[in-house]
PDB file of all heavy atoms in Angstrom:
ATOM      1  N   ARG A   1     -23.897 -20.159  55.315  1.00  0.00           N
ATOM      2  CA  ARG A   1     -24.895 -19.205  55.822  1.00  0.00           C
ATOM      3  C   ARG A   1     -24.765 -18.929  57.301  1.00  0.00           C
ATOM      4  O   ARG A   1     -25.626 -18.274  57.908  1.00  0.00           O
ATOM      5  CB  ARG A   1     -26.281 -19.723  55.486  1.00  0.00           C
ATOM      6  CG  ARG A   1     -26.520 -19.779  53.959  1.00  0.00           C
ATOM      7  CD  ARG A   1     -27.872 -20.161  53.582  1.00  0.00           C
ATOM      8  NE  ARG A   1     -28.832 -19.135  53.976  1.00  0.00           N
ATOM      9  CZ  ARG A   1     -30.133 -19.269  53.935  1.00  0.00           C
ATOM     10  NH1 ARG A   1     -30.663 -20.380  53.462  1.00  0.00           N
ATOM     11  NH2 ARG A   1     -30.917 -18.300  54.303  1.00  0.00           N
ATOM     12  N   ALA A   2     -23.680 -19.381  57.914  1.00  0.00           N
ATOM     13  CA  ALA A   2     -23.467 -19.137  59.335  1.00  0.00           C
ATOM     14  C   ALA A   2     -23.455 -17.656  59.692  1.00  0.00           C
ATOM     15  O   ALA A   2     -24.060 -17.274  60.710  1.00  0.00           O
ATOM     16  CB  ALA A   2     -22.193 -19.838  59.828  1.00  0.00           C
ATOM     17  N   PRO A   3     -22.810 -16.798  58.898  1.00  0.00           N
ATOM     18  CA  PRO A   3     -22.871 -15.362  59.234  1.00  0.00           C
ATOM     19  C   PRO A   3     -24.270 -14.795  59.234  1.00  0.00           C
ATOM     20  O   PRO A   3     -24.644 -13.964  60.077  1.00  0.00           O
ATOM     21  CB  PRO A   3     -22.007 -14.697  58.146  1.00  0.00           C
ATOM     22  CG  PRO A   3     -21.102 -15.778  57.666  1.00  0.00           C
ATOM     23  CD  PRO A   3     -21.909 -17.060  57.790  1.00  0.00           C
ATOM     24  N   GLU A   4     -25.104 -15.298  58.318  1.00  0.00           N
ATOM     25  CA  GLU A   4     -26.511 -14.851  58.266  1.00  0.00           C
ATOM     26  C   GLU A   4     -27.249 -15.257  59.541  1.00  0.00           C
ATOM     27  O   GLU A   4     -28.028 -14.476  60.115  1.00  0.00           O
ATOM     28  CB  GLU A   4     -27.181 -15.461  57.037  1.00  0.00           C
ATOM     29  CG  GLU A   4     -28.622 -15.060  56.862  1.00  0.00           C
ATOM     30  CD  GLU A   4     -29.253 -15.728  55.651  1.00  0.00           C
ATOM     31  OE1 GLU A   4     -28.562 -16.187  54.742  1.00  0.00           O
ATOM     32  OE2 GLU A   4     -30.495 -15.764  55.632  1.00  0.00           O
ATOM     33  N   LEU A   5     -27.023 -16.486  59.991  1.00  0.00           N
ATOM     34  CA  LEU A   5     -27.640 -16.952  61.216  1.00  0.00           C
ATOM     35  C   LEU A   5     -27.183 -16.109  62.417  1.00  0.00           C
ATOM     36  O   LEU A   5     -28.002 -15.690  63.245  1.00  0.00           O
ATOM     37  CB  LEU A   5     -27.311 -18.425  61.455  1.00  0.00           C
ATOM     38  CG  LEU A   5     -27.758 -19.023  62.788  1.00  0.00           C
ATOM     39  CD1 LEU A   5     -29.272 -19.014  62.892  1.00  0.00           C
ATOM     40  CD2 LEU A   5     -27.231 -20.430  62.932  1.00  0.00           C
ATOM     41  N   ALA A   6     -25.894 -15.842  62.499  1.00  0.00           N
ATOM     42  CA  ALA A   6     -25.367 -15.014  63.594  1.00  0.00           C
ATOM     43  C   ALA A   6     -25.965 -13.612  63.554  1.00  0.00           C
ATOM     44  O   ALA A   6     -26.328 -13.075  64.624  1.00  0.00           O
ATOM     45  CB  ALA A   6     -23.842 -14.948  63.497  1.00  0.00           C
ATOM     46  N   ASP A   7     -26.106 -13.026  62.378  1.00  0.00           N
ATOM     47  CA  ASP A   7     -26.715 -11.698  62.269  1.00  0.00           C
ATOM     48  C   ASP A   7     -28.173 -11.716  62.722  1.00  0.00           C
ATOM     49  O   ASP A   7     -28.630 -10.799  63.412  1.00  0.00           O
ATOM     50  CB  ASP A   7     -26.656 -11.192  60.835  1.00  0.00           C
ATOM     51  CG  ASP A   7     -25.238 -10.787  60.403  1.00  0.00           C
ATOM     52  OD1 ASP A   7     -24.375 -10.635  61.288  1.00  0.00           O
ATOM     53  OD2 ASP A   7     -25.026 -10.656  59.185  1.00  0.00           O
ATOM     54  N   ALA A   8     -28.915 -12.766  62.343  1.00  0.00           N
ATOM     55  CA  ALA A   8     -30.325 -12.871  62.734  1.00  0.00           C
ATOM     56  C   ALA A   8     -30.443 -12.989  64.252  1.00  0.00           C
ATOM     57  O   ALA A   8     -31.287 -12.337  64.864  1.00  0.00           O
ATOM     58  CB  ALA A   8     -30.979 -14.049  62.041  1.00  0.00           C
ATOM     59  N   LEU A   9     -29.601 -13.817  64.863  1.00  0.00           N
ATOM     60  CA  LEU A   9     -29.666 -13.973  66.312  1.00  0.00           C
ATOM     61  C   LEU A   9     -29.319 -12.655  67.016  1.00  0.00           C
ATOM     62  O   LEU A   9     -29.932 -12.298  68.014  1.00  0.00           O
ATOM     63  CB  LEU A   9     -28.698 -15.074  66.773  1.00  0.00           C
ATOM     64  CG  LEU A   9     -29.208 -16.488  66.562  1.00  0.00           C
ATOM     65  CD1 LEU A   9     -28.098 -17.500  66.826  1.00  0.00           C
ATOM     66  CD2 LEU A   9     -30.384 -16.769  67.477  1.00  0.00           C
ATOM     67  N   ARG A  10     -28.320 -11.976  66.502  1.00  0.00           N
ATOM     68  CA  ARG A  10     -27.921 -10.684  67.093  1.00  0.00           C
ATOM     69  C   ARG A  10     -29.080  -9.681  67.003  1.00  0.00           C
ATOM     70  O   ARG A  10     -29.381  -8.986  67.954  1.00  0.00           O
ATOM     71  CB  ARG A  10     -26.686 -10.168  66.364  1.00  0.00           C
ATOM     72  CG  ARG A  10     -25.984  -9.048  67.071  1.00  0.00           C
ATOM     73  CD  ARG A  10     -24.640  -8.631  66.469  1.00  0.00           C
ATOM     74  NE  ARG A  10     -24.331  -9.047  65.122  1.00  0.00           N
ATOM     75  CZ  ARG A  10     -23.589 -10.117  64.802  1.00  0.00           C
ATOM     76  NH1 ARG A  10     -23.093 -10.902  65.737  1.00  0.00           N
ATOM     77  NH2 ARG A  10     -23.348 -10.429  63.537  1.00  0.00           N
ATOM     78  N   ALA A  11     -29.764  -9.651  65.862  1.00  0.00           N
ATOM     79  CA  ALA A  11     -30.888  -8.737  65.670  1.00  0.00           C
ATOM     80  C   ALA A  11     -32.042  -9.060  66.625  1.00  0.00           C
ATOM     81  O   ALA A  11     -32.758  -8.176  67.068  1.00  0.00           O
ATOM     82  CB  ALA A  11     -31.391  -8.778  64.232  1.00  0.00           C
ATOM     83  N   LEU A  12     -32.184 -10.337  66.955  1.00  0.00           N
ATOM     84  CA  LEU A  12     -33.267 -10.744  67.849  1.00  0.00           C
ATOM     85  C   LEU A  12     -32.856 -10.714  69.326  1.00  0.00           C
ATOM     86  O   LEU A  12     -33.646 -11.049  70.189  1.00  0.00           O
ATOM     87  CB  LEU A  12     -33.723 -12.193  67.482  1.00  0.00           C
ATOM     88  CG  LEU A  12     -34.374 -12.320  66.129  1.00  0.00           C
ATOM     89  CD1 LEU A  12     -34.559 -13.807  65.778  1.00  0.00           C
ATOM     90  CD2 LEU A  12     -35.706 -11.603  66.114  1.00  0.00           C
ATOM     91  N   GLY A  13     -31.581 -10.378  69.574  1.00  0.00           N
ATOM     92  CA  GLY A  13     -31.102 -10.324  70.948  1.00  0.00           C
ATOM     93  C   GLY A  13     -30.816 -11.685  71.531  1.00  0.00           C
ATOM     94  O   GLY A  13     -30.798 -11.839  72.763  1.00  0.00           O
ATOM     95  N   GLY A  14     -30.572 -12.647  70.688  1.00  0.00           N
ATOM     96  CA  GLY A  14     -30.346 -14.014  71.130  1.00  0.00           C
ATOM     97  C   GLY A  14     -28.930 -14.356  71.471  1.00  0.00           C
ATOM     98  O   GLY A  14     -28.630 -15.456  71.895  1.00  0.00           O
ATOM     99  N   GLY A  15     -28.015 -13.435  71.302  1.00  0.00           N
ATOM    100  CA  GLY A  15     -26.601 -13.711  71.578  1.00  0.00           C
ATOM    101  C   GLY A  15     -25.968 -14.501  70.448  1.00  0.00           C
ATOM    102  O   GLY A  15     -26.589 -14.774  69.436  1.00  0.00           O
ATOM    103  N   PRO A  16     -24.740 -14.899  70.644  1.00  0.00           N
ATOM    104  CA  PRO A  16     -24.024 -15.617  69.588  1.00  0.00           C
ATOM    105  C   PRO A  16     -24.573 -17.039  69.422  1.00  0.00           C
ATOM    106  O   PRO A  16     -25.009 -17.661  70.404  1.00  0.00           O
ATOM    107  CB  PRO A  16     -22.576 -15.633  70.078  1.00  0.00           C
ATOM    108  CG  PRO A  16     -22.658 -15.510  71.550  1.00  0.00           C
ATOM    109  CD  PRO A  16     -23.884 -14.679  71.813  1.00  0.00           C
ATOM    110  N   PRO A  17     -24.519 -17.539  68.213  1.00  0.00           N
ATOM    111  CA  PRO A  17     -25.006 -18.912  68.013  1.00  0.00           C
ATOM    112  C   PRO A  17     -24.035 -19.927  68.618  1.00  0.00           C
ATOM    113  O   PRO A  17     -22.827 -19.692  68.668  1.00  0.00           O
ATOM    114  CB  PRO A  17     -25.066 -19.055  66.486  1.00  0.00           C
ATOM    115  CG  PRO A  17     -24.089 -18.039  65.985  1.00  0.00           C
ATOM    116  CD  PRO A  17     -24.081 -16.929  66.974  1.00  0.00           C
ATOM    117  N   ARG A  18     -24.592 -21.035  69.046  1.00  0.00           N
ATOM    118  CA  ARG A  18     -23.778 -22.148  69.538  1.00  0.00           C
ATOM    119  C   ARG A  18     -24.009 -23.297  68.573  1.00  0.00           C
ATOM    120  O   ARG A  18     -24.909 -24.106  68.765  1.00  0.00           O
ATOM    121  CB  ARG A  18     -24.178 -22.506  70.952  1.00  0.00           C
ATOM    122  CG  ARG A  18     -23.801 -21.413  71.942  1.00  0.00           C
ATOM    123  CD  ARG A  18     -24.245 -21.775  73.336  1.00  0.00           C
ATOM    124  NE  ARG A  18     -25.707 -21.793  73.457  1.00  0.00           N
ATOM    125  CZ  ARG A  18     -26.424 -20.812  73.937  1.00  0.00           C
ATOM    126  NH1 ARG A  18     -25.854 -19.732  74.373  1.00  0.00           N
ATOM    127  NH2 ARG A  18     -27.729 -20.913  74.029  1.00  0.00           N
ATOM    128  N   MET A  19     -23.197 -23.340  67.551  1.00  0.00           N
ATOM    129  CA  MET A  19     -23.376 -24.319  66.479  1.00  0.00           C
ATOM    130  C   MET A  19     -22.655 -25.602  66.846  1.00  0.00           C
ATOM    131  O   MET A  19     -21.449 -25.591  67.094  1.00  0.00           O
ATOM    132  CB  MET A  19     -22.828 -23.749  65.174  1.00  0.00           C
ATOM    133  CG  MET A  19     -23.572 -22.499  64.754  1.00  0.00           C
ATOM    134  SD  MET A  19     -22.908 -21.866  63.229  1.00  0.00           S
ATOM    135  CE  MET A  19     -23.271 -20.142  63.449  1.00  0.00           C
ATOM    136  N   LEU A  20     -23.382 -26.691  66.882  1.00  0.00           N
ATOM    137  CA  LEU A  20     -22.807 -27.972  67.275  1.00  0.00           C
ATOM    138  C   LEU A  20     -22.266 -28.746  66.085  1.00  0.00           C
ATOM    139  O   LEU A  20     -21.587 -29.746  66.244  1.00  0.00           O
ATOM    140  CB  LEU A  20     -23.814 -28.809  68.032  1.00  0.00           C
ATOM    141  CG  LEU A  20     -24.307 -28.185  69.335  1.00  0.00           C
ATOM    142  CD1 LEU A  20     -25.257 -29.124  70.070  1.00  0.00           C
ATOM    143  CD2 LEU A  20     -23.145 -27.814  70.255  1.00  0.00           C
ATOM    144  N   GLY A  21     -22.542 -28.278  64.852  1.00  0.00           N
ATOM    145  CA  GLY A  21     -21.921 -28.844  63.702  1.00  0.00           C
ATOM    146  C   GLY A  21     -22.530 -30.109  63.134  1.00  0.00           C
ATOM    147  O   GLY A  21     -21.885 -30.767  62.317  1.00  0.00           O
ATOM    148  N   TYR A  22     -23.690 -30.469  63.506  1.00  0.00           N
ATOM    149  CA  TYR A  22     -24.328 -31.662  62.898  1.00  0.00           C
ATOM    150  C   TYR A  22     -24.936 -31.300  61.563  1.00  0.00           C
ATOM    151  O   TYR A  22     -25.343 -30.171  61.349  1.00  0.00           O
ATOM    152  CB  TYR A  22     -25.387 -32.244  63.840  1.00  0.00           C
ATOM    153  CG  TYR A  22     -24.818 -32.838  65.074  1.00  0.00           C
ATOM    154  CD1 TYR A  22     -24.900 -32.174  66.292  1.00  0.00           C
ATOM    155  CD2 TYR A  22     -24.176 -34.059  65.044  1.00  0.00           C
ATOM    156  CE1 TYR A  22     -24.345 -32.695  67.442  1.00  0.00           C
ATOM    157  CE2 TYR A  22     -23.630 -34.608  66.205  1.00  0.00           C
ATOM    158  CZ  TYR A  22     -23.722 -33.911  67.392  1.00  0.00           C
ATOM    159  OH  TYR A  22     -23.161 -34.439  68.525  1.00  0.00           O
ATOM    160  N   GLY A  23     -24.980 -32.293  60.700  1.00  0.00           N
ATOM    161  CA  GLY A  23     -25.593 -32.088  59.403  1.00  0.00           C
ATOM    162  C   GLY A  23     -27.091 -31.919  59.499  1.00  0.00           C
ATOM    163  O   GLY A  23     -27.733 -32.431  60.405  1.00  0.00           O
ATOM    164  N   ASP A  24     -27.643 -31.212  58.553  1.00  0.00           N
ATOM    165  CA  ASP A  24     -29.078 -30.943  58.489  1.00  0.00           C
ATOM    166  C   ASP A  24     -29.642 -31.732  57.318  1.00  0.00           C
ATOM    167  O   ASP A  24     -29.115 -31.641  56.207  1.00  0.00           O
ATOM    168  CB  ASP A  24     -29.305 -29.462  58.287  1.00  0.00           C
ATOM    169  CG  ASP A  24     -30.751 -29.036  58.363  1.00  0.00           C
ATOM    170  OD1 ASP A  24     -31.612 -29.814  57.920  1.00  0.00           O
ATOM    171  OD2 ASP A  24     -31.010 -27.914  58.819  1.00  0.00           O
ATOM    172  N   THR A  25     -30.677 -32.497  57.508  1.00  0.00           N
ATOM    173  CA  THR A  25     -31.253 -33.321  56.484  1.00  0.00           C
ATOM    174  C   THR A  25     -31.680 -32.507  55.274  1.00  0.00           C
ATOM    175  O   THR A  25     -31.442 -32.917  54.128  1.00  0.00           O
ATOM    176  CB  THR A  25     -32.498 -34.084  57.030  1.00  0.00           C
ATOM    177  OG1 THR A  25     -32.058 -34.869  58.147  1.00  0.00           O
ATOM    178  CG2 THR A  25     -33.068 -34.998  55.996  1.00  0.00           C
ATOM    179  N   ARG A  26     -32.248 -31.371  55.461  1.00  0.00           N
ATOM    180  CA  ARG A  26     -32.774 -30.571  54.348  1.00  0.00           C
ATOM    181  C   ARG A  26     -31.751 -29.629  53.740  1.00  0.00           C
ATOM    182  O   ARG A  26     -31.988 -29.041  52.698  1.00  0.00           O
ATOM    183  CB  ARG A  26     -33.980 -29.784  54.797  1.00  0.00           C
ATOM    184  CG  ARG A  26     -35.138 -30.656  55.172  1.00  0.00           C
ATOM    185  CD  ARG A  26     -36.318 -29.839  55.571  1.00  0.00           C
ATOM    186  NE  ARG A  26     -37.390 -30.715  56.028  1.00  0.00           N
ATOM    187  CZ  ARG A  26     -38.491 -30.291  56.603  1.00  0.00           C
ATOM    188  NH1 ARG A  26     -38.664 -29.005  56.778  1.00  0.00           N
ATOM    189  NH2 ARG A  26     -39.405 -31.139  56.982  1.00  0.00           N
ATOM    190  N   ASN A  27     -30.633 -29.425  54.403  1.00  0.00           N
ATOM    191  CA  ASN A  27     -29.636 -28.491  53.911  1.00  0.00           C
ATOM    192  C   ASN A  27     -28.246 -29.115  54.079  1.00  0.00           C
ATOM    193  O   ASN A  27     -27.584 -28.884  55.065  1.00  0.00           O
ATOM    194  CB  ASN A  27     -29.711 -27.171  54.685  1.00  0.00           C
ATOM    195  CG  ASN A  27     -28.762 -26.146  54.189  1.00  0.00           C
ATOM    196  OD1 ASN A  27     -28.005 -26.377  53.249  1.00  0.00           O
ATOM    197  ND2 ASN A  27     -28.723 -25.003  54.826  1.00  0.00           N
ATOM    198  N   PRO A  28     -27.773 -29.878  53.086  1.00  0.00           N
ATOM    199  CA  PRO A  28     -26.491 -30.562  53.185  1.00  0.00           C
ATOM    200  C   PRO A  28     -25.304 -29.608  53.370  1.00  0.00           C
ATOM    201  O   PRO A  28     -24.282 -29.975  53.918  1.00  0.00           O
ATOM    202  CB  PRO A  28     -26.364 -31.325  51.863  1.00  0.00           C
ATOM    203  CG  PRO A  28     -27.649 -31.203  51.187  1.00  0.00           C
ATOM    204  CD  PRO A  28     -28.463 -30.140  51.827  1.00  0.00           C
ATOM    205  N   GLN A  29     -25.433 -28.343  52.929  1.00  0.00           N
ATOM    206  CA  GLN A  29     -24.347 -27.389  53.084  1.00  0.00           C
ATOM    207  C   GLN A  29     -24.249 -26.846  54.514  1.00  0.00           C
ATOM    208  O   GLN A  29     -23.317 -26.110  54.825  1.00  0.00           O
ATOM    209  CB  GLN A  29     -24.521 -26.207  52.128  1.00  0.00           C
ATOM    210  CG  GLN A  29     -24.082 -26.526  50.715  1.00  0.00           C
ATOM    211  CD  GLN A  29     -25.064 -27.476  50.006  1.00  0.00           C
ATOM    212  OE1 GLN A  29     -26.248 -27.377  50.198  1.00  0.00           O
ATOM    213  NE2 GLN A  29     -24.521 -28.394  49.229  1.00  0.00           N
ATOM    214  N   ALA A  30     -25.205 -27.173  55.368  1.00  0.00           N
ATOM    215  CA  ALA A  30     -25.193 -26.675  56.728  1.00  0.00           C
ATOM    216  C   ALA A  30     -23.953 -27.153  57.492  1.00  0.00           C
ATOM    217  O   ALA A  30     -23.422 -26.445  58.301  1.00  0.00           O
ATOM    218  CB  ALA A  30     -26.440 -27.132  57.494  1.00  0.00           C
ATOM    219  N   SER A  31     -23.490 -28.341  57.205  1.00  0.00           N
ATOM    220  CA  SER A  31     -22.325 -28.897  57.882  1.00  0.00           C
ATOM    221  C   SER A  31     -21.763 -30.035  57.059  1.00  0.00           C
ATOM    222  O   SER A  31     -21.928 -31.195  57.389  1.00  0.00           O
ATOM    223  CB  SER A  31     -22.733 -29.378  59.269  1.00  0.00           C
ATOM    224  OG  SER A  31     -21.598 -29.598  60.051  1.00  0.00           O
ATOM    225  N   PRO A  32     -21.100 -29.701  55.951  1.00  0.00           N
ATOM    226  CA  PRO A  32     -20.589 -30.737  55.050  1.00  0.00           C
ATOM    227  C   PRO A  32     -19.649 -31.701  55.730  1.00  0.00           C
ATOM    228  O   PRO A  32     -18.797 -31.296  56.506  1.00  0.00           O
ATOM    229  CB  PRO A  32     -19.882 -29.941  53.945  1.00  0.00           C
ATOM    230  CG  PRO A  32     -20.118 -28.517  54.207  1.00  0.00           C
ATOM    231  CD  PRO A  32     -20.730 -28.368  55.552  1.00  0.00           C
ATOM    232  N   GLY A  33     -19.820 -32.978  55.413  1.00  0.00           N
ATOM    233  CA  GLY A  33     -18.937 -34.003  55.950  1.00  0.00           C
ATOM    234  C   GLY A  33     -19.210 -34.438  57.358  1.00  0.00           C
ATOM    235  O   GLY A  33     -18.526 -35.309  57.884  1.00  0.00           O
ATOM    236  N   ARG A  34     -20.187 -33.861  58.021  1.00  0.00           N
ATOM    237  CA  ARG A  34     -20.518 -34.240  59.392  1.00  0.00           C
ATOM    238  C   ARG A  34     -21.776 -35.079  59.392  1.00  0.00           C
ATOM    239  O   ARG A  34     -22.596 -34.982  58.501  1.00  0.00           O
ATOM    240  CB  ARG A  34     -20.769 -32.985  60.231  1.00  0.00           C
ATOM    241  CG  ARG A  34     -19.584 -32.074  60.491  1.00  0.00           C
ATOM    242  CD  ARG A  34     -18.557 -32.680  61.429  1.00  0.00           C
ATOM    243  NE  ARG A  34     -19.131 -33.280  62.635  1.00  0.00           N
ATOM    244  CZ  ARG A  34     -19.224 -32.680  63.810  1.00  0.00           C
ATOM    245  NH1 ARG A  34     -18.811 -31.454  63.982  1.00  0.00           N
ATOM    246  NH2 ARG A  34     -19.747 -33.316  64.829  1.00  0.00           N
ATOM    247  N   PRO A  35     -21.964 -35.930  60.393  1.00  0.00           N
ATOM    248  CA  PRO A  35     -23.190 -36.734  60.457  1.00  0.00           C
ATOM    249  C   PRO A  35     -24.428 -35.878  60.647  1.00  0.00           C
ATOM    250  O   PRO A  35     -24.326 -34.800  61.280  1.00  0.00           O
ATOM    251  CB  PRO A  35     -22.958 -37.652  61.661  1.00  0.00           C
ATOM    252  CG  PRO A  35     -21.927 -36.977  62.494  1.00  0.00           C
ATOM    253  CD  PRO A  35     -21.094 -36.164  61.559  1.00  0.00           C
ATOM    254  N   ARG A  36     -25.542 -36.340  60.123  1.00  0.00           N
ATOM    255  CA  ARG A  36     -26.795 -35.619  60.336  1.00  0.00           C
ATOM    256  C   ARG A  36     -27.173 -35.757  61.812  1.00  0.00           C
ATOM    257  O   ARG A  36     -26.900 -36.771  62.452  1.00  0.00           O
ATOM    258  CB  ARG A  36     -27.901 -36.207  59.473  1.00  0.00           C
ATOM    259  CG  ARG A  36     -27.672 -36.065  58.003  1.00  0.00           C
ATOM    260  CD  ARG A  36     -28.798 -36.627  57.170  1.00  0.00           C
ATOM    261  NE  ARG A  36     -29.211 -37.960  57.656  1.00  0.00           N
ATOM    262  CZ  ARG A  36     -30.367 -38.526  57.333  1.00  0.00           C
ATOM    263  NH1 ARG A  36     -31.227 -37.896  56.556  1.00  0.00           N
ATOM    264  NH2 ARG A  36     -30.664 -39.714  57.777  1.00  0.00           N
ATOM    265  N   LEU A  37     -27.841 -34.742  62.331  1.00  0.00           N
ATOM    266  CA  LEU A  37     -28.275 -34.794  63.728  1.00  0.00           C
ATOM    267  C   LEU A  37     -29.120 -36.025  63.996  1.00  0.00           C
ATOM    268  O   LEU A  37     -28.957 -36.703  65.000  1.00  0.00           O
ATOM    269  CB  LEU A  37     -29.086 -33.527  64.066  1.00  0.00           C
ATOM    270  CG  LEU A  37     -29.668 -33.475  65.463  1.00  0.00           C
ATOM    271  CD1 LEU A  37     -28.564 -33.485  66.523  1.00  0.00           C
ATOM    272  CD2 LEU A  37     -30.527 -32.217  65.610  1.00  0.00           C
ATOM    273  N   ILE A  38     -30.000 -36.345  63.090  1.00  0.00           N
ATOM    274  CA  ILE A  38     -30.900 -37.499  63.269  1.00  0.00           C
ATOM    275  C   ILE A  38     -30.134 -38.819  63.327  1.00  0.00           C
ATOM    276  O   ILE A  38     -30.596 -39.792  63.906  1.00  0.00           O
ATOM    277  CB  ILE A  38     -31.993 -37.515  62.190  1.00  0.00           C
ATOM    278  CG1 ILE A  38     -33.106 -38.449  62.588  1.00  0.00           C
ATOM    279  CG2 ILE A  38     -31.413 -37.899  60.836  1.00  0.00           C
ATOM    280  CD1 ILE A  38     -34.373 -38.254  61.824  1.00  0.00           C
ATOM    281  N   ASP A  39     -28.919 -38.871  62.755  1.00  0.00           N
ATOM    282  CA  ASP A  39     -28.131 -40.100  62.735  1.00  0.00           C
ATOM    283  C   ASP A  39     -27.103 -40.159  63.862  1.00  0.00           C
ATOM    284  O   ASP A  39     -26.474 -41.195  64.067  1.00  0.00           O
ATOM    285  CB  ASP A  39     -27.388 -40.238  61.383  1.00  0.00           C
ATOM    286  CG  ASP A  39     -28.335 -40.364  60.226  1.00  0.00           C
ATOM    287  OD1 ASP A  39     -29.428 -40.922  60.415  1.00  0.00           O
ATOM    288  OD2 ASP A  39     -27.996 -39.901  59.120  1.00  0.00           O
ATOM    289  N   ALA A  40     -26.902 -39.071  64.568  1.00  0.00           N
ATOM    290  CA  ALA A  40     -25.896 -39.024  65.627  1.00  0.00           C
ATOM    291  C   ALA A  40     -26.359 -39.810  66.860  1.00  0.00           C
ATOM    292  O   ALA A  40     -27.573 -39.944  67.115  1.00  0.00           O
ATOM    293  CB  ALA A  40     -25.629 -37.567  66.024  1.00  0.00           C
ATOM    294  N   LEU A  41     -25.389 -40.294  67.607  1.00  0.00           N
ATOM    295  CA  LEU A  41     -25.715 -41.033  68.834  1.00  0.00           C
ATOM    296  C   LEU A  41     -26.310 -40.088  69.860  1.00  0.00           C
ATOM    297  O   LEU A  41     -25.787 -38.963  70.065  1.00  0.00           O
ATOM    298  CB  LEU A  41     -24.466 -41.670  69.402  1.00  0.00           C
ATOM    299  CG  LEU A  41     -23.781 -42.714  68.507  1.00  0.00           C
ATOM    300  CD1 LEU A  41     -22.449 -43.144  69.118  1.00  0.00           C
ATOM    301  CD2 LEU A  41     -24.699 -43.918  68.339  1.00  0.00           C
ATOM    302  N   LEU A  42     -27.360 -40.515  70.520  1.00  0.00           N
ATOM    303  CA  LEU A  42     -28.059 -39.657  71.488  1.00  0.00           C
ATOM    304  C   LEU A  42     -27.122 -39.158  72.585  1.00  0.00           C
ATOM    305  O   LEU A  42     -27.107 -37.982  72.920  1.00  0.00           O
ATOM    306  CB  LEU A  42     -29.240 -40.398  72.089  1.00  0.00           C
ATOM    307  CG  LEU A  42     -30.056 -39.619  73.132  1.00  0.00           C
ATOM    308  CD1 LEU A  42     -30.655 -38.384  72.510  1.00  0.00           C
ATOM    309  CD2 LEU A  42     -31.129 -40.516  73.728  1.00  0.00           C
ATOM    310  N   ASP A  43     -26.291 -40.048  73.139  1.00  0.00           N
ATOM    311  CA  ASP A  43     -25.393 -39.649  74.202  1.00  0.00           C
ATOM    312  C   ASP A  43     -24.412 -38.581  73.733  1.00  0.00           C
ATOM    313  O   ASP A  43     -24.051 -37.673  74.472  1.00  0.00           O
ATOM    314  CB  ASP A  43     -24.622 -40.856  74.743  1.00  0.00           C
ATOM    315  CG  ASP A  43     -25.497 -41.804  75.527  1.00  0.00           C
ATOM    316  OD1 ASP A  43     -26.611 -41.396  75.923  1.00  0.00           O
ATOM    317  OD2 ASP A  43     -25.075 -42.972  75.755  1.00  0.00           O
TER     318      ASP A  43
END
């Protein structure tokens, strides 16, 4: 769904998305194979 997110940001004037690639707890397809943001090291 990354293209959908980019389109929404463009429509809102937010510029291109800066996706850091962490997994999302509620949406496993957001970043398959990557650690969830909540589990990543703070630093």
